[in-house]
Amino acid sequence: MMGSFIEIVYGNNERMFCNADCASINLLQFIRDKCNVGYHDLDLADTNGVIKSLRKSFNGRASLQLESGCTYIPVMFIPSALPGSASTAGMKITTVLYHQSVAGKQERTL
């Protein structure tokens, strides 16, 4: 049986291919480790910015939500305070991509 391979773009235009024919939790953990992002609420977005919501179906097969041969970008969901509120119910979404700043230091894009 042929696997359902996808391309992940992360870091400073780094790319890796993954077999998505596994549980979503396993794929996301592998990507989290490879991207060195620690424990953040991680998901994938396609190149149009559509979030695939793998994090909501950890035990489901990732290949049911991802199209074989397509490119995806890891995104992190980071708690942030809502304007005018002390609560952290809001979430900030950021990619796991880097760019060169004016000083030459790599920074995460938002």
PDB file of N, CA and C in Angstrom:
ATOM      1  N   MET A   1       0.845  -1.186   0.000  1.00  0.00           N
ATOM      2  CA  MET A   1       0.000   0.000   0.000  1.00  0.00           C
ATOM      3  C   MET A   1       0.890   1.250   0.000  1.00  0.00           C
ATOM      4  N   MET A   2       0.606   2.171  -0.885  1.00  0.00           N
ATOM      5  CA  MET A   2       1.394   3.395  -1.001  1.00  0.00           C
ATOM      6  C   MET A   2       0.966   4.393   0.064  1.00  0.00           C
ATOM      7  N   GLY A   3       1.929   5.087   0.674  1.00  0.00           N
ATOM      8  CA  GLY A   3       1.633   6.057   1.716  1.00  0.00           C
ATOM      9  C   GLY A   3       1.056   7.337   1.162  1.00  0.00           C
ATOM     10  N   SER A   4       0.533   8.135   2.060  1.00  0.00           N
ATOM     11  CA  SER A   4      -0.032   9.438   1.717  1.00  0.00           C
ATOM     12  C   SER A   4       0.999  10.489   2.120  1.00  0.00           C
ATOM     13  N   PHE A   5       1.909  10.816   1.199  1.00  0.00           N
ATOM     14  CA  PHE A   5       3.006  11.723   1.530  1.00  0.00           C
ATOM     15  C   PHE A   5       2.632  13.175   1.293  1.00  0.00           C
ATOM     16  N   ILE A   6       3.062  14.024   2.229  1.00  0.00           N
ATOM     17  CA  ILE A   6       2.829  15.463   2.152  1.00  0.00           C
ATOM     18  C   ILE A   6       4.165  16.166   2.346  1.00  0.00           C
ATOM     19  N   GLU A   7       4.232  17.424   1.914  1.00  0.00           N
ATOM     20  CA  GLU A   7       5.427  18.237   2.112  1.00  0.00           C
ATOM     21  C   GLU A   7       5.136  19.258   3.201  1.00  0.00           C
ATOM     22  N   ILE A   8       6.068  19.418   4.128  1.00  0.00           N
ATOM     23  CA  ILE A   8       5.962  20.410   5.194  1.00  0.00           C
ATOM     24  C   ILE A   8       7.054  21.447   4.965  1.00  0.00           C
ATOM     25  N   VAL A   9       6.661  22.727   4.922  1.00  0.00           N
ATOM     26  CA  VAL A   9       7.619  23.831   4.782  1.00  0.00           C
ATOM     27  C   VAL A   9       7.681  24.537   6.138  1.00  0.00           C
ATOM     28  N   TYR A  10       8.891  24.692   6.663  1.00  0.00           N
ATOM     29  CA  TYR A  10       9.062  25.289   7.987  1.00  0.00           C
ATOM     30  C   TYR A  10      10.431  25.949   8.073  1.00  0.00           C
ATOM     31  N   GLY A  11      10.671  26.627   9.178  1.00  0.00           N
ATOM     32  CA  GLY A  11      11.984  27.229   9.413  1.00  0.00           C
ATOM     33  C   GLY A  11      12.358  28.242   8.349  1.00  0.00           C
ATOM     34  N   ASN A  12      13.596  28.212   7.928  1.00  0.00           N
ATOM     35  CA  ASN A  12      14.114  29.132   6.916  1.00  0.00           C
ATOM     36  C   ASN A  12      14.029  28.434   5.553  1.00  0.00           C
ATOM     37  N   ASN A  13      12.811  28.220   5.076  1.00  0.00           N
ATOM     38  CA  ASN A  13      12.513  27.535   3.819  1.00  0.00           C
ATOM     39  C   ASN A  13      13.011  26.089   3.828  1.00  0.00           C
ATOM     40  N   GLU A  14      13.007  25.469   5.002  1.00  0.00           N
ATOM     41  CA  GLU A  14      13.337  24.051   5.104  1.00  0.00           C
ATOM     42  C   GLU A  14      12.108  23.244   4.724  1.00  0.00           C
ATOM     43  N   ARG A  15      12.345  22.062   4.159  1.00  0.00           N
ATOM     44  CA  ARG A  15      11.250  21.216   3.705  1.00  0.00           C
ATOM     45  C   ARG A  15      11.493  19.789   4.164  1.00  0.00           C
ATOM     46  N   MET A  16      10.407  19.118   4.477  1.00  0.00           N
ATOM     47  CA  MET A  16      10.492  17.700   4.786  1.00  0.00           C
ATOM     48  C   MET A  16       9.237  17.021   4.234  1.00  0.00           C
ATOM     49  N   PHE A  17       9.384  15.744   3.934  1.00  0.00           N
ATOM     50  CA  PHE A  17       8.256  14.953   3.470  1.00  0.00           C
ATOM     51  C   PHE A  17       7.852  14.020   4.591  1.00  0.00           C
ATOM     52  N   CYS A  18       6.545  13.891   4.780  1.00  0.00           N
ATOM     53  CA  CYS A  18       6.015  13.051   5.849  1.00  0.00           C
ATOM     54  C   CYS A  18       4.949  12.128   5.283  1.00  0.00           C
ATOM     55  N   ASN A  19       4.873  10.953   5.857  1.00  0.00           N
ATOM     56  CA  ASN A  19       3.795  10.036   5.525  1.00  0.00           C
ATOM     57  C   ASN A  19       2.624  10.378   6.437  1.00  0.00           C
ATOM     58  N   ALA A  20       1.522  10.845   5.862  1.00  0.00           N
ATOM     59  CA  ALA A  20       0.361  11.268   6.651  1.00  0.00           C
ATOM     60  C   ALA A  20      -0.579  10.113   6.964  1.00  0.00           C
ATOM     61  N   ASP A  21      -0.202   8.907   6.595  1.00  0.00           N
ATOM     62  CA  ASP A  21      -1.049   7.738   6.850  1.00  0.00           C
ATOM     63  C   ASP A  21      -0.775   7.220   8.264  1.00  0.00           C
ATOM     64  N   CYS A  22      -1.130   8.057   9.249  1.00  0.00           N
ATOM     65  CA  CYS A  22      -0.919   7.729  10.663  1.00  0.00           C
ATOM     66  C   CYS A  22      -1.914   8.555  11.478  1.00  0.00           C
ATOM     67  N   ALA A  23      -1.918   8.324  12.772  1.00  0.00           N
ATOM     68  CA  ALA A  23      -2.780   9.115  13.654  1.00  0.00           C
ATOM     69  C   ALA A  23      -2.299  10.565  13.654  1.00  0.00           C
ATOM     70  N   SER A  24      -3.238  11.494  13.671  1.00  0.00           N
ATOM     71  CA  SER A  24      -2.909  12.924  13.663  1.00  0.00           C
ATOM     72  C   SER A  24      -1.961  13.290  14.789  1.00  0.00           C
ATOM     73  N   ILE A  25      -2.160  12.727  15.969  1.00  0.00           N
ATOM     74  CA  ILE A  25      -1.312  13.052  17.120  1.00  0.00           C
ATOM     75  C   ILE A  25       0.145  12.669  16.845  1.00  0.00           C
ATOM     76  N   ASN A  26       0.358  11.550  16.158  1.00  0.00           N
ATOM     77  CA  ASN A  26       1.728  11.118  15.844  1.00  0.00           C
ATOM     78  C   ASN A  26       2.379  12.035  14.818  1.00  0.00           C
ATOM     79  N   LEU A  27       1.634  12.421  13.795  1.00  0.00           N
ATOM     80  CA  LEU A  27       2.173  13.325  12.777  1.00  0.00           C
ATOM     81  C   LEU A  27       2.514  14.676  13.394  1.00  0.00           C
ATOM     82  N   LEU A  28       1.605  15.231  14.191  1.00  0.00           N
ATOM     83  CA  LEU A  28       1.853  16.533  14.809  1.00  0.00           C
ATOM     84  C   LEU A  28       3.035  16.487  15.775  1.00  0.00           C
ATOM     85  N   GLN A  29       3.197  15.399  16.516  1.00  0.00           N
ATOM     86  CA  GLN A  29       4.331  15.280  17.437  1.00  0.00           C
ATOM     87  C   GLN A  29       5.635  15.199  16.661  1.00  0.00           C
ATOM     88  N   PHE A  30       5.658  14.469  15.552  1.00  0.00           N
ATOM     89  CA  PHE A  30       6.851  14.373  14.718  1.00  0.00           C
ATOM     90  C   PHE A  30       7.237  15.754  14.180  1.00  0.00           C
ATOM     91  N   ILE A  31       6.239  16.500  13.691  1.00  0.00           N
ATOM     92  CA  ILE A  31       6.492  17.839  13.154  1.00  0.00           C
ATOM     93  C   ILE A  31       6.951  18.778  14.266  1.00  0.00           C
ATOM     94  N   ARG A  32       6.331  18.698  15.430  1.00  0.00           N
ATOM     95  CA  ARG A  32       6.714  19.532  16.578  1.00  0.00           C
ATOM     96  C   ARG A  32       8.189  19.286  16.934  1.00  0.00           C
ATOM     97  N   ASP A  33       8.598  18.028  16.951  1.00  0.00           N
ATOM     98  CA  ASP A  33       9.987  17.691  17.271  1.00  0.00           C
ATOM     99  C   ASP A  33      10.947  18.195  16.202  1.00  0.00           C
ATOM    100  N   LYS A  34      10.607  17.993  14.927  1.00  0.00           N
ATOM    101  CA  LYS A  34      11.478  18.409  13.825  1.00  0.00           C
ATOM    102  C   LYS A  34      11.617  19.926  13.761  1.00  0.00           C
ATOM    103  N   CYS A  35      10.537  20.647  14.051  1.00  0.00           N
ATOM    104  CA  CYS A  35      10.549  22.108  13.985  1.00  0.00           C
ATOM    105  C   CYS A  35      11.075  22.734  15.275  1.00  0.00           C
ATOM    106  N   ASN A  36      11.273  21.912  16.297  1.00  0.00           N
ATOM    107  CA  ASN A  36      11.811  22.373  17.566  1.00  0.00           C
ATOM    108  C   ASN A  36      10.980  23.510  18.168  1.00  0.00           C
ATOM    109  N   VAL A  37       9.672  23.298  18.238  1.00  0.00           N
ATOM    110  CA  VAL A  37       8.790  24.341  18.761  1.00  0.00           C
ATOM    111  C   VAL A  37       8.308  24.068  20.183  1.00  0.00           C
ATOM    112  N   GLY A  38       8.785  22.990  20.803  1.00  0.00           N
ATOM    113  CA  GLY A  38       8.361  22.695  22.156  1.00  0.00           C
ATOM    114  C   GLY A  38       6.901  22.310  22.191  1.00  0.00           C
ATOM    115  N   TYR A  39       6.292  22.477  23.358  1.00  0.00           N
ATOM    116  CA  TYR A  39       4.893  22.086  23.469  1.00  0.00           C
ATOM    117  C   TYR A  39       4.001  23.291  23.210  1.00  0.00           C
ATOM    118  N   HIS A  40       3.566  23.409  21.988  1.00  0.00           N
ATOM    119  CA  HIS A  40       2.584  24.419  21.603  1.00  0.00           C
ATOM    120  C   HIS A  40       1.441  23.696  20.920  1.00  0.00           C
ATOM    121  N   ASP A  41       0.279  24.299  20.931  1.00  0.00           N
ATOM    122  CA  ASP A  41      -0.866  23.757  20.217  1.00  0.00           C
ATOM    123  C   ASP A  41      -0.572  23.921  18.735  1.00  0.00           C
ATOM    124  N   LEU A  42      -0.221  22.843  18.058  1.00  0.00           N
ATOM    125  CA  LEU A  42       0.252  22.867  16.678  1.00  0.00           C
ATOM    126  C   LEU A  42      -0.796  22.296  15.738  1.00  0.00           C
ATOM    127  N   ASP A  43      -0.857  22.827  14.537  1.00  0.00           N
ATOM    128  CA  ASP A  43      -1.729  22.308  13.486  1.00  0.00           C
ATOM    129  C   ASP A  43      -1.048  22.574  12.156  1.00  0.00           C
ATOM    130  N   LEU A  44      -1.695  22.207  11.070  1.00  0.00           N
ATOM    131  CA  LEU A  44      -1.173  22.466   9.729  1.00  0.00           C
ATOM    132  C   LEU A  44      -2.149  23.331   8.964  1.00  0.00           C
ATOM    133  N   ALA A  45      -1.614  24.187   8.102  1.00  0.00           N
ATOM    134  CA  ALA A  45      -2.427  25.003   7.193  1.00  0.00           C
ATOM    135  C   ALA A  45      -1.947  24.712   5.776  1.00  0.00           C
ATOM    136  N   ASP A  46      -2.873  24.742   4.823  1.00  0.00           N
ATOM    137  CA  ASP A  46      -2.453  24.567   3.435  1.00  0.00           C
ATOM    138  C   ASP A  46      -1.892  25.889   2.916  1.00  0.00           C
ATOM    139  N   THR A  47      -1.451  25.913   1.677  1.00  0.00           N
ATOM    140  CA  THR A  47      -0.814  27.113   1.133  1.00  0.00           C
ATOM    141  C   THR A  47      -1.793  28.254   0.909  1.00  0.00           C
ATOM    142  N   ASN A  48      -3.090  27.996   1.047  1.00  0.00           N
ATOM    143  CA  ASN A  48      -4.103  29.055   0.976  1.00  0.00           C
ATOM    144  C   ASN A  48      -4.448  29.595   2.361  1.00  0.00           C
ATOM    145  N   GLY A  49      -3.817  29.037   3.405  1.00  0.00           N
ATOM    146  CA  GLY A  49      -4.067  29.501   4.766  1.00  0.00           C
ATOM    147  C   GLY A  49      -5.197  28.791   5.475  1.00  0.00           C
ATOM    148  N   VAL A  50      -5.745  27.744   4.872  1.00  0.00           N
ATOM    149  CA  VAL A  50      -6.840  26.999   5.503  1.00  0.00           C
ATOM    150  C   VAL A  50      -6.263  26.039   6.538  1.00  0.00           C
ATOM    151  N   ILE A  51      -6.659  26.222   7.798  1.00  0.00           N
ATOM    152  CA  ILE A  51      -6.176  25.365   8.878  1.00  0.00           C
ATOM    153  C   ILE A  51      -6.905  24.033   8.810  1.00  0.00           C
ATOM    154  N   LYS A  52      -6.161  22.932   8.892  1.00  0.00           N
ATOM    155  CA  LYS A  52      -6.711  21.597   8.683  1.00  0.00           C
ATOM    156  C   LYS A  52      -7.325  20.972   9.927  1.00  0.00           C
ATOM    157  N   SER A  53      -7.170  21.564  11.084  1.00  0.00           N
ATOM    158  CA  SER A  53      -7.784  21.118  12.352  1.00  0.00           C
ATOM    159  C   SER A  53      -7.417  19.693  12.751  1.00  0.00           C
ATOM    160  N   LEU A  54      -6.183  19.299  12.511  1.00  0.00           N
ATOM    161  CA  LEU A  54      -5.718  17.976  12.941  1.00  0.00           C
ATOM    162  C   LEU A  54      -5.724  17.856  14.459  1.00  0.00           C
ATOM    163  N   ARG A  55      -5.482  18.961  15.144  1.00  0.00           N
ATOM    164  CA  ARG A  55      -5.387  18.940  16.605  1.00  0.00           C
ATOM    165  C   ARG A  55      -6.718  18.615  17.259  1.00  0.00           C
ATOM    166  N   LYS A  56      -7.803  18.702  16.515  1.00  0.00           N
ATOM    167  CA  LYS A  56      -9.131  18.399  17.064  1.00  0.00           C
ATOM    168  C   LYS A  56      -9.501  16.929  16.911  1.00  0.00           C
ATOM    169  N   SER A  57      -8.717  16.186  16.146  1.00  0.00           N
ATOM    170  CA  SER A  57      -9.010  14.758  15.944  1.00  0.00           C
ATOM    171  C   SER A  57      -7.716  13.955  16.080  1.00  0.00           C
ATOM    172  N   PHE A  58      -7.125  14.006  17.281  1.00  0.00           N
ATOM    173  CA  PHE A  58      -5.826  13.373  17.520  1.00  0.00           C
ATOM    174  C   PHE A  58      -5.787  11.902  17.115  1.00  0.00           C
ATOM    175  N   ASN A  59      -6.845  11.156  17.388  1.00  0.00           N
ATOM    176  CA  ASN A  59      -6.823   9.723  17.099  1.00  0.00           C
ATOM    177  C   ASN A  59      -7.237   9.392  15.676  1.00  0.00           C
ATOM    178  N   GLY A  60      -7.730  10.387  14.941  1.00  0.00           N
ATOM    179  CA  GLY A  60      -8.122  10.163  13.551  1.00  0.00           C
ATOM    180  C   GLY A  60      -6.907  10.081  12.639  1.00  0.00           C
ATOM    181  N   ARG A  61      -7.083   9.513  11.478  1.00  0.00           N
ATOM    182  CA  ARG A  61      -5.999   9.412  10.496  1.00  0.00           C
ATOM    183  C   ARG A  61      -5.766  10.769   9.861  1.00  0.00           C
ATOM    184  N   ALA A  62      -4.529  11.225   9.879  1.00  0.00           N
ATOM    185  CA  ALA A  62      -4.184  12.517   9.291  1.00  0.00           C
ATOM    186  C   ALA A  62      -4.467  12.506   7.790  1.00  0.00           C
ATOM    187  N   SER A  63      -4.291  11.359   7.150  1.00  0.00           N
ATOM    188  CA  SER A  63      -4.480  11.262   5.701  1.00  0.00           C
ATOM    189  C   SER A  63      -5.930  11.521   5.276  1.00  0.00           C
ATOM    190  N   LEU A  64      -6.872  11.442   6.213  1.00  0.00           N
ATOM    191  CA  LEU A  64      -8.270  11.735   5.880  1.00  0.00           C
ATOM    192  C   LEU A  64      -8.518  13.238   5.761  1.00  0.00           C
ATOM    193  N   GLN A  65      -7.628  14.045   6.334  1.00  0.00           N
ATOM    194  CA  GLN A  65      -7.790  15.495   6.314  1.00  0.00           C
ATOM    195  C   GLN A  65      -6.761  16.208   5.445  1.00  0.00           C
ATOM    196  N   LEU A  66      -5.742  15.480   5.013  1.00  0.00           N
ATOM    197  CA  LEU A  66      -4.666  16.075   4.220  1.00  0.00           C
ATOM    198  C   LEU A  66      -4.619  15.415   2.853  1.00  0.00           C
ATOM    199  N   GLU A  67      -4.397  16.237   1.832  1.00  0.00           N
ATOM    200  CA  GLU A  67      -4.346  15.721   0.471  1.00  0.00           C
ATOM    201  C   GLU A  67      -2.923  15.303   0.126  1.00  0.00           C
ATOM    202  N   SER A  68      -2.773  14.070  -0.318  1.00  0.00           N
ATOM    203  CA  SER A  68      -1.465  13.543  -0.679  1.00  0.00           C
ATOM    204  C   SER A  68      -0.817  14.401  -1.763  1.00  0.00           C
ATOM    205  N   GLY A  69       0.482  14.667  -1.596  1.00  0.00           N
ATOM    206  CA  GLY A  69       1.225  15.451  -2.575  1.00  0.00           C
ATOM    207  C   GLY A  69       1.155  16.950  -2.377  1.00  0.00           C
ATOM    208  N   CYS A  70       0.379  17.413  -1.404  1.00  0.00           N
ATOM    209  CA  CYS A  70       0.231  18.859  -1.172  1.00  0.00           C
ATOM    210  C   CYS A  70       1.252  19.362  -0.151  1.00  0.00           C
ATOM    211  N   THR A  71       1.403  20.676  -0.114  1.00  0.00           N
ATOM    212  CA  THR A  71       2.332  21.344   0.785  1.00  0.00           C
ATOM    213  C   THR A  71       1.553  21.971   1.939  1.00  0.00           C
ATOM    214  N   TYR A  72       2.087  21.816   3.141  1.00  0.00           N
ATOM    215  CA  TYR A  72       1.453  22.359   4.340  1.00  0.00           C
ATOM    216  C   TYR A  72       2.483  23.119   5.171  1.00  0.00           C
ATOM    217  N   ILE A  73       1.989  24.076   5.956  1.00  0.00           N
ATOM    218  CA  ILE A  73       2.829  24.914   6.811  1.00  0.00           C
ATOM    219  C   ILE A  73       2.363  24.722   8.256  1.00  0.00           C
ATOM    220  N   PRO A  74       3.274  24.386   9.169  1.00  0.00           N
ATOM    221  CA  PRO A  74       2.881  24.263  10.578  1.00  0.00           C
ATOM    222  C   PRO A  74       2.488  25.632  11.144  1.00  0.00           C
ATOM    223  N   VAL A  75       1.427  25.645  11.928  1.00  0.00           N
ATOM    224  CA  VAL A  75       0.994  26.858  12.621  1.00  0.00           C
ATOM    225  C   VAL A  75       0.837  26.536  14.103  1.00  0.00           C
ATOM    226  N   MET A  76       1.181  27.510  14.943  1.00  0.00           N
ATOM    227  CA  MET A  76       1.047  27.353  16.386  1.00  0.00           C
ATOM    228  C   MET A  76      -0.079  28.247  16.880  1.00  0.00           C
ATOM    229  N   PHE A  77      -0.805  27.765  17.858  1.00  0.00           N
ATOM    230  CA  PHE A  77      -1.843  28.534  18.519  1.00  0.00           C
ATOM    231  C   PHE A  77      -1.312  28.886  19.895  1.00  0.00           C
ATOM    232  N   ILE A  78      -1.102  30.181  20.119  1.00  0.00           N
ATOM    233  CA  ILE A  78      -0.495  30.651  21.364  1.00  0.00           C
ATOM    234  C   ILE A  78      -1.523  31.491  22.113  1.00  0.00           C
ATOM    235  N   PRO A  79      -1.801  31.152  23.380  1.00  0.00           N
ATOM    236  CA  PRO A  79      -2.774  31.946  24.145  1.00  0.00           C
ATOM    237  C   PRO A  79      -2.346  33.405  24.227  1.00  0.00           C
ATOM    238  N   SER A  80      -3.310  34.286  24.067  1.00  0.00           N
ATOM    239  CA  SER A  80      -3.037  35.716  24.212  1.00  0.00           C
ATOM    240  C   SER A  80      -4.238  36.370  24.872  1.00  0.00           C
ATOM    241  N   ALA A  81      -3.973  37.408  25.636  1.00  0.00           N
ATOM    242  CA  ALA A  81      -5.049  38.106  26.331  1.00  0.00           C
ATOM    243  C   ALA A  81      -5.921  38.859  25.331  1.00  0.00           C
ATOM    244  N   LEU A  82      -7.205  38.826  25.556  1.00  0.00           N
ATOM    245  CA  LEU A  82      -8.127  39.591  24.727  1.00  0.00           C
ATOM    246  C   LEU A  82      -8.046  41.057  25.094  1.00  0.00           C
ATOM    247  N   PRO A  83      -8.197  41.965  24.127  1.00  0.00           N
ATOM    248  CA  PRO A  83      -8.162  43.398  24.448  1.00  0.00           C
ATOM    249  C   PRO A  83      -9.195  43.747  25.509  1.00  0.00           C
ATOM    250  N   GLY A  84      -8.769  44.484  26.534  1.00  0.00           N
ATOM    251  CA  GLY A  84      -9.682  44.916  27.592  1.00  0.00           C
ATOM    252  C   GLY A  84     -10.088  43.807  28.541  1.00  0.00           C
ATOM    253  N   SER A  85      -9.381  42.677  28.535  1.00  0.00           N
ATOM    254  CA  SER A  85      -9.743  41.556  29.382  1.00  0.00           C
ATOM    255  C   SER A  85      -8.496  40.975  30.032  1.00  0.00           C
ATOM    256  N   ALA A  86      -8.656  40.444  31.230  1.00  0.00           N
ATOM    257  CA  ALA A  86      -7.541  39.793  31.906  1.00  0.00           C
ATOM    258  C   ALA A  86      -7.481  38.317  31.529  1.00  0.00           C
ATOM    259  N   SER A  87      -8.448  37.844  30.763  1.00  0.00           N
ATOM    260  CA  SER A  87      -8.508  36.427  30.404  1.00  0.00           C
ATOM    261  C   SER A  87      -7.554  36.115  29.261  1.00  0.00           C
ATOM    262  N   THR A  88      -7.159  34.865  29.155  1.00  0.00           N
ATOM    263  CA  THR A  88      -6.311  34.426  28.043  1.00  0.00           C
ATOM    264  C   THR A  88      -7.102  33.493  27.126  1.00  0.00           C
ATOM    265  N   ALA A  89      -8.382  33.756  26.981  1.00  0.00           N
ATOM    266  CA  ALA A  89      -9.235  32.894  26.157  1.00  0.00           C
ATOM    267  C   ALA A  89      -8.925  33.046  24.673  1.00  0.00           C
ATOM    268  N   GLY A  90      -8.352  34.171  24.260  1.00  0.00           N
ATOM    269  CA  GLY A  90      -8.020  34.374  22.855  1.00  0.00           C
ATOM    270  C   GLY A  90      -6.774  33.602  22.464  1.00  0.00           C
ATOM    271  N   MET A  91      -6.629  33.374  21.166  1.00  0.00           N
ATOM    272  CA  MET A  91      -5.460  32.671  20.666  1.00  0.00           C
ATOM    273  C   MET A  91      -4.815  33.480  19.554  1.00  0.00           C
ATOM    274  N   LYS A  92      -3.485  33.524  19.556  1.00  0.00           N
ATOM    275  CA  LYS A  92      -2.732  34.142  18.479  1.00  0.00           C
ATOM    276  C   LYS A  92      -2.210  32.994  17.622  1.00  0.00           C
ATOM    277  N   ILE A  93      -2.339  33.116  16.320  1.00  0.00           N
ATOM    278  CA  ILE A  93      -1.859  32.086  15.406  1.00  0.00           C
ATOM    279  C   ILE A  93      -0.603  32.596  14.735  1.00  0.00           C
ATOM    280  N   THR A  94       0.462  31.788  14.742  1.00  0.00           N
ATOM    281  CA  THR A  94       1.709  32.162  14.108  1.00  0.00           C
ATOM    282  C   THR A  94       2.271  30.968  13.341  1.00  0.00           C
ATOM    283  N   THR A  95       2.969  31.238  12.265  1.00  0.00           N
ATOM    284  CA  THR A  95       3.567  30.156  11.487  1.00  0.00           C
ATOM    285  C   THR A  95       4.896  29.745  12.106  1.00  0.00           C
ATOM    286  N   VAL A  96       5.417  28.630  11.666  1.00  0.00           N
ATOM    287  CA  VAL A  96       6.717  28.150  12.111  1.00  0.00           C
ATOM    288  C   VAL A  96       7.701  28.399  10.969  1.00  0.00           C
ATOM    289  N   LEU A  97       7.707  29.648  10.488  1.00  0.00           N
ATOM    290  CA  LEU A  97       8.622  30.081   9.435  1.00  0.00           C
ATOM    291  C   LEU A  97       9.520  31.159  10.003  1.00  0.00           C
ATOM    292  N   TYR A  98      10.678  31.351   9.424  1.00  0.00           N
ATOM    293  CA  TYR A  98      11.611  32.372   9.872  1.00  0.00           C
ATOM    294  C   TYR A  98      11.956  33.298   8.722  1.00  0.00           C
ATOM    295  N   HIS A  99      12.346  34.510   9.048  1.00  0.00           N
ATOM    296  CA  HIS A  99      12.844  35.450   8.043  1.00  0.00           C
ATOM    297  C   HIS A  99      14.064  36.148   8.627  1.00  0.00           C
ATOM    298  N   GLN A 100      14.851  36.749   7.780  1.00  0.00           N
ATOM    299  CA  GLN A 100      16.016  37.498   8.248  1.00  0.00           C
ATOM    300  C   GLN A 100      15.581  38.919   8.600  1.00  0.00           C
ATOM    301  N   SER A 101      15.887  39.343   9.812  1.00  0.00           N
ATOM    302  CA  SER A 101      15.593  40.714  10.210  1.00  0.00           C
ATOM    303  C   SER A 101      16.703  41.624   9.687  1.00  0.00           C
ATOM    304  N   VAL A 102      16.528  42.904   9.866  1.00  0.00           N
ATOM    305  CA  VAL A 102      17.523  43.873   9.414  1.00  0.00           C
ATOM    306  C   VAL A 102      18.871  43.613  10.088  1.00  0.00           C
ATOM    307  N   ALA A 103      18.864  43.199  11.347  1.00  0.00           N
ATOM    308  CA  ALA A 103      20.097  42.949  12.089  1.00  0.00           C
ATOM    309  C   ALA A 103      20.729  41.607  11.709  1.00  0.00           C
ATOM    310  N   GLY A 104      20.055  40.821  10.855  1.00  0.00           N
ATOM    311  CA  GLY A 104      20.601  39.538  10.435  1.00  0.00           C
ATOM    312  C   GLY A 104      20.231  38.394  11.362  1.00  0.00           C
ATOM    313  N   LYS A 105      19.438  38.660  12.386  1.00  0.00           N
ATOM    314  CA  LYS A 105      19.012  37.631  13.321  1.00  0.00           C
ATOM    315  C   LYS A 105      17.710  37.011  12.822  1.00  0.00           C
ATOM    316  N   GLN A 106      17.587  35.675  12.905  1.00  0.00           N
ATOM    317  CA  GLN A 106      16.357  35.040  12.458  1.00  0.00           C
ATOM    318  C   GLN A 106      15.265  35.259  13.496  1.00  0.00           C
ATOM    319  N   GLU A 107      14.076  35.563  13.008  1.00  0.00           N
ATOM    320  CA  GLU A 107      12.925  35.769  13.883  1.00  0.00           C
ATOM    321  C   GLU A 107      11.737  35.036  13.299  1.00  0.00           C
ATOM    322  N   ARG A 108      10.840  34.602  14.164  1.00  0.00           N
ATOM    323  CA  ARG A 108       9.604  33.969  13.704  1.00  0.00           C
ATOM    324  C   ARG A 108       8.687  35.020  13.110  1.00  0.00           C
ATOM    325  N   THR A 109       8.024  34.662  12.021  1.00  0.00           N
ATOM    326  CA  THR A 109       7.050  35.584  11.457  1.00  0.00           C
ATOM    327  C   THR A 109       5.732  35.427  12.192  1.00  0.00           C
ATOM    328  N   LEU A 110       4.967  36.481  12.239  1.00  0.00           N
ATOM    329  CA  LEU A 110       3.646  36.439  12.874  1.00  0.00           C
ATOM    330  C   LEU A 110       2.577  36.588  11.833  1.00  0.00           C
TER     331      LEU A 110
END
